[in-house]
Amino acid sequence: MLTQPNKDLTAGSKNNLHNSKPIVYFVSQSAFYMDTPHQPLEDLQHIKKMMERSSRFISLSGLSGIAAGICALAGAWFASQKIHCWVNGDCQLSLLITSNGFELINDLFWIATITFIAAFVSAFIFTYLRSKKNGTPMWGTTTVRLFWNMVIPITVGGIFLIRMMQLGEYQLVAPGCLIFYGLALVNASKYTLGEVRYLGYGQIVLGLFNLWWIGYGLQFWAMGFGVLHIVYGVMMWWKYERK
């Protein structure tokens, strides 16, 4: 004789199975998070890196700063061969140009131009290599913002200094270069590594001091564009690229 299953027993079994599902889910989730206790922190760090990549150009290489500084020191040395009074710190460019004519201006112009090209090319190469290594694009929206925030103060400063030279105020060229370059770095720092801001502050401070030590323009120029860049580059390499 066939017997019907106990309806109460069957219903109770179904209810127990249904009630056990949340328990199983909770246990499995707890075990998962116990195996990866740092998962939330790693997720936050990953999100932070993604946000930095989208809002800041983080591929600047410390080696770029070192190379630019070396080029600047080399340019300062070549300029010193044309301006011998730099040793005594009594260089008055206005008097030198008056006595030597435009030949000195031409020599200094080409030294500055070659120095800038060498520094720019070397900085570009090292930055490109780091960008390729990190898998980040070299050119994008952030790079465009960085470029314009950097180039506008430099362009305005360049026009200002050209006009100063037309008026015969050559002694203000060195401090002017440092000050406007520092302002450009501070202005562009919000789109790249924060340490760039402090490099800008250093350039501005040196430029302001140079306003009261006019005869030492070449030394201040070498310290700002040369020594500060090398120190900055070493610090950036040690912090971000040493691994």
Protein backbone atom coordinates (compact mmCIF):
# COMPACT_ATOMS: atom_id res chain seq x y z
CA MET A 1 0.00 0.00 0.00
CA LEU A 2 1.39 3.33 -1.05
CA THR A 3 1.50 6.03 1.57
CA GLN A 4 1.43 9.77 0.92
CA PRO A 5 4.44 11.68 2.29
CA ASN A 6 3.83 13.72 5.34
CA LYS A 7 2.95 17.20 4.06
CA ASP A 8 4.10 18.88 7.26
CA LEU A 9 7.48 17.16 7.08
CA THR A 10 7.96 18.11 3.42
CA ALA A 11 6.99 21.72 4.04
CA GLY A 12 9.33 21.91 7.02
CA SER A 13 12.21 20.59 4.97
CA LYS A 14 11.61 23.18 2.27
CA ASN A 15 11.46 25.96 4.84
CA ASN A 16 14.71 24.80 6.45
CA LEU A 17 16.42 24.69 3.05
CA HIS A 18 15.15 28.16 2.22
CA ASN A 19 16.28 29.58 5.56
CA SER A 20 19.74 28.01 5.21
CA LYS A 21 20.53 29.90 1.97
CA PRO A 22 21.33 33.25 3.67
CA ILE A 23 23.52 31.40 6.17
CA VAL A 24 25.47 29.65 3.42
CA TYR A 25 25.84 32.95 1.53
CA PHE A 26 27.04 34.77 4.66
CA VAL A 27 29.56 32.04 5.47
CA SER A 28 30.92 31.98 1.92
CA GLN A 29 31.23 35.78 1.82
CA SER A 30 32.93 35.84 5.22
CA ALA A 31 35.39 33.20 4.10
CA PHE A 32 36.14 35.19 0.94
CA TYR A 33 36.92 38.39 2.83
CA MET A 34 38.93 36.48 5.40
CA ASP A 35 41.11 35.19 2.56
CA THR A 36 41.59 38.71 1.16
CA PRO A 37 41.57 41.07 4.15
CA HIS A 38 43.27 43.87 2.17
CA GLN A 39 40.91 43.74 -0.81
CA PRO A 40 38.98 46.96 0.02
CA LEU A 41 42.25 48.88 0.53
CA GLU A 42 43.67 47.55 -2.74
CA ASP A 43 40.49 48.55 -4.56
CA LEU A 44 40.72 52.08 -3.19
CA GLN A 45 44.37 52.35 -4.22
CA HIS A 46 43.50 51.10 -7.70
CA ILE A 47 40.71 53.68 -8.01
CA LYS A 48 43.07 56.42 -6.79
CA LYS A 49 45.66 55.47 -9.43
CA MET A 50 43.01 55.52 -12.15
CA MET A 51 41.84 58.96 -11.07
CA GLU A 52 45.42 60.27 -11.00
CA ARG A 53 46.06 58.94 -14.50
CA SER A 54 42.94 60.63 -15.81
CA SER A 55 43.56 64.00 -14.11
CA ARG A 56 47.37 64.27 -13.92
CA PHE A 57 50.33 63.60 -16.16
CA ILE A 58 52.35 61.29 -13.91
CA SER A 59 54.92 60.03 -16.43
CA LEU A 60 57.48 62.77 -15.78
CA SER A 61 60.82 61.08 -15.27
CA GLY A 62 63.36 62.09 -12.68
CA LEU A 63 66.04 61.38 -15.26
CA SER A 64 64.51 64.15 -17.37
CA GLY A 65 65.24 66.66 -14.62
CA ILE A 66 68.78 65.38 -14.21
CA ALA A 67 69.44 65.60 -17.96
CA ALA A 68 67.98 69.10 -18.17
CA GLY A 69 70.12 70.22 -15.24
CA ILE A 70 73.29 68.84 -16.80
CA CYS A 71 72.50 70.62 -20.08
CA ALA A 72 71.93 73.88 -18.18
CA LEU A 73 75.26 73.60 -16.36
CA ALA A 74 77.01 72.90 -19.66
CA GLY A 75 75.33 75.96 -21.20
CA ALA A 76 76.38 78.10 -18.23
CA TRP A 77 79.97 76.93 -18.66
CA PHE A 78 80.01 77.84 -22.35
CA ALA A 79 78.48 81.22 -21.52
CA SER A 80 81.19 81.77 -18.91
CA GLN A 81 83.80 81.43 -21.64
CA LYS A 82 82.23 84.46 -23.31
CA ILE A 83 81.65 86.39 -20.08
CA HIS A 84 84.84 86.19 -18.04
CA CYS A 85 83.71 88.55 -15.30
CA TRP A 86 81.34 85.94 -13.85
CA VAL A 87 84.17 84.71 -11.61
CA ASN A 88 84.17 87.98 -9.66
CA GLY A 89 80.42 88.37 -9.73
CA ASP A 90 80.61 91.84 -11.26
CA CYS A 91 79.09 91.08 -14.68
CA GLN A 92 77.12 94.02 -15.99
CA LEU A 93 75.69 92.82 -19.29
CA SER A 94 74.71 96.32 -20.34
CA LEU A 95 78.37 97.46 -20.22
CA LEU A 96 79.60 94.23 -21.81
CA ILE A 97 77.21 94.49 -24.73
CA THR A 98 78.03 98.17 -25.17
CA SER A 99 81.75 97.37 -25.44
CA ASN A 100 81.45 94.12 -27.42
CA GLY A 101 78.50 94.94 -29.65
CA PHE A 102 75.96 92.44 -30.94
CA GLU A 103 78.54 89.70 -31.36
CA LEU A 104 78.20 88.85 -27.67
CA ILE A 105 74.39 88.88 -27.91
CA ASN A 106 74.55 86.51 -30.87
CA ASP A 107 76.89 84.11 -29.06
CA LEU A 108 74.77 84.08 -25.90
CA PHE A 109 71.60 83.62 -27.94
CA TRP A 110 72.92 80.52 -29.68
CA ILE A 111 74.28 79.08 -26.44
CA ALA A 112 70.85 79.51 -24.82
CA THR A 113 69.05 78.08 -27.87
CA ILE A 114 71.24 74.98 -28.11
CA THR A 115 71.02 74.44 -24.35
CA PHE A 116 67.21 74.63 -24.45
CA ILE A 117 66.93 72.23 -27.39
CA ALA A 118 69.29 69.71 -25.77
CA ALA A 119 67.42 69.90 -22.44
CA PHE A 120 64.02 69.59 -24.12
CA VAL A 121 65.00 66.62 -26.30
CA SER A 122 66.64 64.72 -23.43
CA ALA A 123 63.67 65.40 -21.12
CA PHE A 124 61.25 64.26 -23.83
CA ILE A 125 63.15 61.01 -24.41
CA PHE A 126 63.24 60.02 -20.73
CA THR A 127 59.60 60.98 -20.23
CA TYR A 128 58.57 59.00 -23.31
CA LEU A 129 60.43 55.93 -22.05
CA ARG A 130 58.76 56.13 -18.64
CA SER A 131 55.35 56.70 -20.21
CA LYS A 132 55.84 53.62 -22.38
CA LYS A 133 57.00 51.58 -19.39
CA ASN A 134 53.96 52.60 -17.30
CA GLY A 135 51.55 52.03 -20.18
CA THR A 136 50.21 55.58 -20.01
CA PRO A 137 49.57 57.70 -23.11
CA MET A 138 52.13 60.40 -23.86
CA TRP A 139 49.55 62.77 -25.30
CA GLY A 140 46.02 63.32 -24.04
CA THR A 141 43.65 65.79 -22.43
CA THR A 142 45.78 66.06 -19.30
CA THR A 143 48.93 66.62 -21.34
CA VAL A 144 47.22 69.41 -23.28
CA ARG A 145 46.20 71.12 -20.03
CA LEU A 146 49.72 70.73 -18.66
CA PHE A 147 51.17 72.15 -21.87
CA TRP A 148 48.99 75.28 -21.94
CA ASN A 149 49.40 76.01 -18.24
CA MET A 150 53.16 75.77 -18.74
CA VAL A 151 53.53 77.59 -22.05
CA ILE A 152 51.39 80.67 -21.34
CA PRO A 153 53.52 82.07 -18.46
CA ILE A 154 56.71 81.22 -20.36
CA THR A 155 55.48 82.92 -23.53
CA VAL A 156 54.42 86.03 -21.65
CA GLY A 157 57.75 86.08 -19.80
CA GLY A 158 59.66 85.65 -23.05
CA ILE A 159 57.89 88.61 -24.66
CA PHE A 160 58.50 90.69 -21.53
CA LEU A 161 62.22 89.85 -21.47
CA ILE A 162 62.64 90.56 -25.18
CA ARG A 163 61.17 93.99 -24.61
CA MET A 164 63.50 94.52 -21.65
CA MET A 165 66.48 93.70 -23.86
CA GLN A 166 65.23 96.13 -26.49
CA LEU A 167 65.28 98.79 -23.79
CA GLY A 168 68.83 97.83 -22.81
CA GLU A 169 67.91 96.21 -19.46
CA TYR A 170 70.00 93.10 -20.01
CA GLN A 171 70.81 92.64 -16.32
CA LEU A 172 67.21 91.61 -15.62
CA VAL A 173 67.20 88.75 -18.14
CA ALA A 174 68.61 86.09 -15.78
CA PRO A 175 66.29 86.82 -12.82
CA GLY A 176 63.36 87.23 -15.21
CA CYS A 177 63.98 83.79 -16.72
CA LEU A 178 64.02 82.19 -13.28
CA ILE A 179 60.90 83.98 -12.05
CA PHE A 180 58.71 83.33 -15.09
CA TYR A 181 59.88 79.74 -15.35
CA GLY A 182 59.07 79.22 -11.68
CA LEU A 183 55.61 80.71 -12.16
CA ALA A 184 55.02 78.36 -15.09
CA LEU A 185 56.00 75.33 -12.99
CA VAL A 186 53.71 76.35 -10.13
CA ASN A 187 50.86 76.99 -12.56
CA ALA A 188 51.27 73.62 -14.30
CA SER A 189 51.90 71.57 -11.15
CA LYS A 190 48.18 70.90 -10.62
CA TYR A 191 48.22 68.70 -13.72
CA THR A 192 51.32 66.66 -12.87
CA LEU A 193 53.35 65.50 -9.87
CA GLY A 194 52.98 67.78 -6.86
CA GLU A 195 56.72 68.01 -6.36
CA VAL A 196 56.96 70.18 -9.48
CA ARG A 197 55.40 72.99 -7.44
CA TYR A 198 58.35 73.05 -5.06
CA LEU A 199 60.79 73.18 -7.96
CA GLY A 200 58.87 76.24 -9.14
CA TYR A 201 59.06 77.85 -5.71
CA GLY A 202 62.83 77.36 -5.72
CA GLN A 203 63.17 79.01 -9.13
CA ILE A 204 61.09 82.00 -8.02
CA VAL A 205 63.10 82.48 -4.82
CA LEU A 206 66.41 82.38 -6.71
CA GLY A 207 65.08 84.85 -9.27
CA LEU A 208 63.97 87.28 -6.58
CA PHE A 209 67.34 87.09 -4.83
CA ASN A 210 69.04 87.67 -8.18
CA LEU A 211 67.21 91.01 -8.49
CA TRP A 212 69.43 92.32 -5.68
CA TRP A 213 72.61 90.57 -6.88
CA ILE A 214 72.51 91.58 -10.53
CA GLY A 215 76.19 90.85 -11.19
CA TYR A 216 75.74 87.18 -10.27
CA GLY A 217 73.12 86.42 -12.92
CA LEU A 218 75.06 83.56 -14.48
CA GLN A 219 75.59 81.88 -11.11
CA PHE A 220 71.90 82.15 -10.19
CA TRP A 221 70.96 80.91 -13.65
CA ALA A 222 73.22 77.88 -13.20
CA MET A 223 71.85 77.17 -9.72
CA GLY A 224 68.23 77.43 -10.83
CA PHE A 225 68.23 75.67 -14.18
CA GLY A 226 71.15 73.41 -13.35
CA VAL A 227 71.51 72.46 -9.70
CA LEU A 228 67.82 72.63 -8.75
CA HIS A 229 66.84 70.47 -11.71
CA ILE A 230 69.41 67.85 -10.81
CA VAL A 231 68.33 67.78 -7.14
CA TYR A 232 64.67 67.57 -8.19
CA GLY A 233 65.44 64.79 -10.69
CA VAL A 234 67.35 62.70 -8.15
CA MET A 235 64.54 63.04 -5.62
CA MET A 236 61.87 62.08 -8.19
CA TRP A 237 63.88 59.11 -9.41
CA TRP A 238 64.46 57.92 -5.84
CA LYS A 239 60.78 58.26 -4.94
CA TYR A 240 59.02 56.97 -8.06
CA GLU A 241 61.47 55.07 -10.28
CA ARG A 242 63.98 53.37 -7.97
CA LYS A 243 62.05 50.08 -7.79
